[in-house]
Amino acid sequence: MIRLRVLDILDEQKHTKYWLYKQMDMSYQNLSKLLNNETSSIRFENLEKLVRILNCPISDLFEIIDESSQR
């Protein structure tokens, strides 16, 4: 399973979800679903916004989770 690490990055950079919400120009509900890994797709334009706003490579946004270790 792939997990989006945006909350981790926000924490590392000492930013809040609200700060990111103001930067992203999307609804808070959609952003919240994205941040909580409750979405099945992500638009490329939103990925691009994330890497620009967070100033990180796109590879930093994702992490592969071993599902068998979570059971």
C-alpha atoms as a PDB file:
ATOM      1  CA  MET A   1       0.000   0.000   0.000  1.00  0.00           C
ATOM      2  CA  ILE A   2       1.224   3.514  -0.750  1.00  0.00           C
ATOM      3  CA  ARG A   3       0.819   6.185   1.885  1.00  0.00           C
ATOM      4  CA  LEU A   4       1.031   9.919   1.334  1.00  0.00           C
ATOM      5  CA  ARG A   5       3.509  11.461   3.810  1.00  0.00           C
ATOM      6  CA  VAL A   6       2.320  15.070   3.681  1.00  0.00           C
ATOM      7  CA  LEU A   7       1.398  15.191   7.379  1.00  0.00           C
ATOM      8  CA  ASP A   8       4.884  13.988   8.281  1.00  0.00           C
ATOM      9  CA  ILE A   9       6.463  16.617   6.056  1.00  0.00           C
ATOM     10  CA  LEU A  10       4.252  19.341   7.509  1.00  0.00           C
ATOM     11  CA  ASP A  11       5.341  18.301  10.973  1.00  0.00           C
ATOM     12  CA  GLU A  12       9.015  18.302   9.972  1.00  0.00           C
ATOM     13  CA  GLN A  13       8.633  21.787   8.488  1.00  0.00           C
ATOM     14  CA  LYS A  14       6.567  23.004  11.444  1.00  0.00           C
ATOM     15  CA  HIS A  15       3.551  23.877   9.321  1.00  0.00           C
ATOM     16  CA  THR A  16      -0.103  23.121   9.976  1.00  0.00           C
ATOM     17  CA  LYS A  17      -2.817  21.553   7.856  1.00  0.00           C
ATOM     18  CA  TYR A  18      -4.546  24.914   7.881  1.00  0.00           C
ATOM     19  CA  TRP A  19      -1.426  26.559   6.464  1.00  0.00           C
ATOM     20  CA  LEU A  20      -1.334  23.990   3.661  1.00  0.00           C
ATOM     21  CA  TYR A  21      -5.055  24.393   3.040  1.00  0.00           C
ATOM     22  CA  LYS A  22      -4.554  28.133   2.471  1.00  0.00           C
ATOM     23  CA  GLN A  23      -1.726  27.406   0.015  1.00  0.00           C
ATOM     24  CA  MET A  24      -3.437  24.618  -1.937  1.00  0.00           C
ATOM     25  CA  ASP A  25      -6.597  26.375  -3.080  1.00  0.00           C
ATOM     26  CA  MET A  26      -8.844  23.340  -2.642  1.00  0.00           C
ATOM     27  CA  SER A  27     -11.685  22.537  -0.266  1.00  0.00           C
ATOM     28  CA  TYR A  28     -10.697  21.643   3.279  1.00  0.00           C
ATOM     29  CA  GLN A  29     -12.745  18.436   3.037  1.00  0.00           C
ATOM     30  CA  ASN A  30     -10.859  17.256  -0.057  1.00  0.00           C
ATOM     31  CA  LEU A  31      -7.516  18.218   1.421  1.00  0.00           C
ATOM     32  CA  SER A  32      -8.339  16.372   4.622  1.00  0.00           C
ATOM     33  CA  LYS A  33      -9.218  13.212   2.677  1.00  0.00           C
ATOM     34  CA  LEU A  34      -5.967  13.517   0.769  1.00  0.00           C
ATOM     35  CA  LEU A  35      -3.876  14.007   3.912  1.00  0.00           C
ATOM     36  CA  ASN A  36      -5.570  11.121   5.708  1.00  0.00           C
ATOM     37  CA  ASN A  37      -5.069   8.755   2.767  1.00  0.00           C
ATOM     38  CA  GLU A  38      -8.807   8.420   2.245  1.00  0.00           C
ATOM     39  CA  THR A  39      -8.796   8.986  -1.481  1.00  0.00           C
ATOM     40  CA  SER A  40      -8.246   6.586  -4.347  1.00  0.00           C
ATOM     41  CA  SER A  41      -6.785   9.132  -6.763  1.00  0.00           C
ATOM     42  CA  ILE A  42      -4.745  12.319  -6.753  1.00  0.00           C
ATOM     43  CA  ARG A  43      -4.689  14.839  -9.552  1.00  0.00           C
ATOM     44  CA  PHE A  44      -1.282  15.581 -11.035  1.00  0.00           C
ATOM     45  CA  GLU A  45      -1.834  19.293 -10.546  1.00  0.00           C
ATOM     46  CA  ASN A  46      -2.319  18.702  -6.808  1.00  0.00           C
ATOM     47  CA  LEU A  47       0.869  16.676  -6.622  1.00  0.00           C
ATOM     48  CA  GLU A  48       2.694  19.463  -8.386  1.00  0.00           C
ATOM     49  CA  LYS A  49       1.276  22.028  -5.941  1.00  0.00           C
ATOM     50  CA  LEU A  50       2.358  19.895  -2.996  1.00  0.00           C
ATOM     51  CA  VAL A  51       5.962  19.565  -4.147  1.00  0.00           C
ATOM     52  CA  ARG A  52       6.187  23.276  -4.902  1.00  0.00           C
ATOM     53  CA  ILE A  53       4.590  24.389  -1.626  1.00  0.00           C
ATOM     54  CA  LEU A  54       6.488  21.904   0.524  1.00  0.00           C
ATOM     55  CA  ASN A  55       9.679  22.391  -1.478  1.00  0.00           C
ATOM     56  CA  CYS A  56      10.463  18.694  -1.660  1.00  0.00           C
ATOM     57  CA  PRO A  57      10.996  16.081  -4.365  1.00  0.00           C
ATOM     58  CA  ILE A  58       7.915  14.150  -5.340  1.00  0.00           C
ATOM     59  CA  SER A  59       9.468  10.927  -4.032  1.00  0.00           C
ATOM     60  CA  ASP A  60       9.357  12.390  -0.502  1.00  0.00           C
ATOM     61  CA  LEU A  61       5.570  12.549  -0.668  1.00  0.00           C
ATOM     62  CA  PHE A  62       5.115   8.780  -0.809  1.00  0.00           C
ATOM     63  CA  GLU A  63       5.953   5.787   1.318  1.00  0.00           C
ATOM     64  CA  ILE A  64       5.270   2.114   0.693  1.00  0.00           C
ATOM     65  CA  ILE A  65       3.697   0.335   3.652  1.00  0.00           C
ATOM     66  CA  ASP A  66       3.950  -3.403   4.008  1.00  0.00           C
ATOM     67  CA  GLU A  67       0.326  -4.438   4.581  1.00  0.00           C
ATOM     68  CA  SER A  68       1.269  -7.800   6.076  1.00  0.00           C
ATOM     69  CA  SER A  69       3.092  -6.088   8.963  1.00  0.00           C
ATOM     70  CA  GLN A  70      -0.012  -4.071   9.853  1.00  0.00           C
ATOM     71  CA  ARG A  71      -2.186  -7.116  10.591  1.00  0.00           C
END
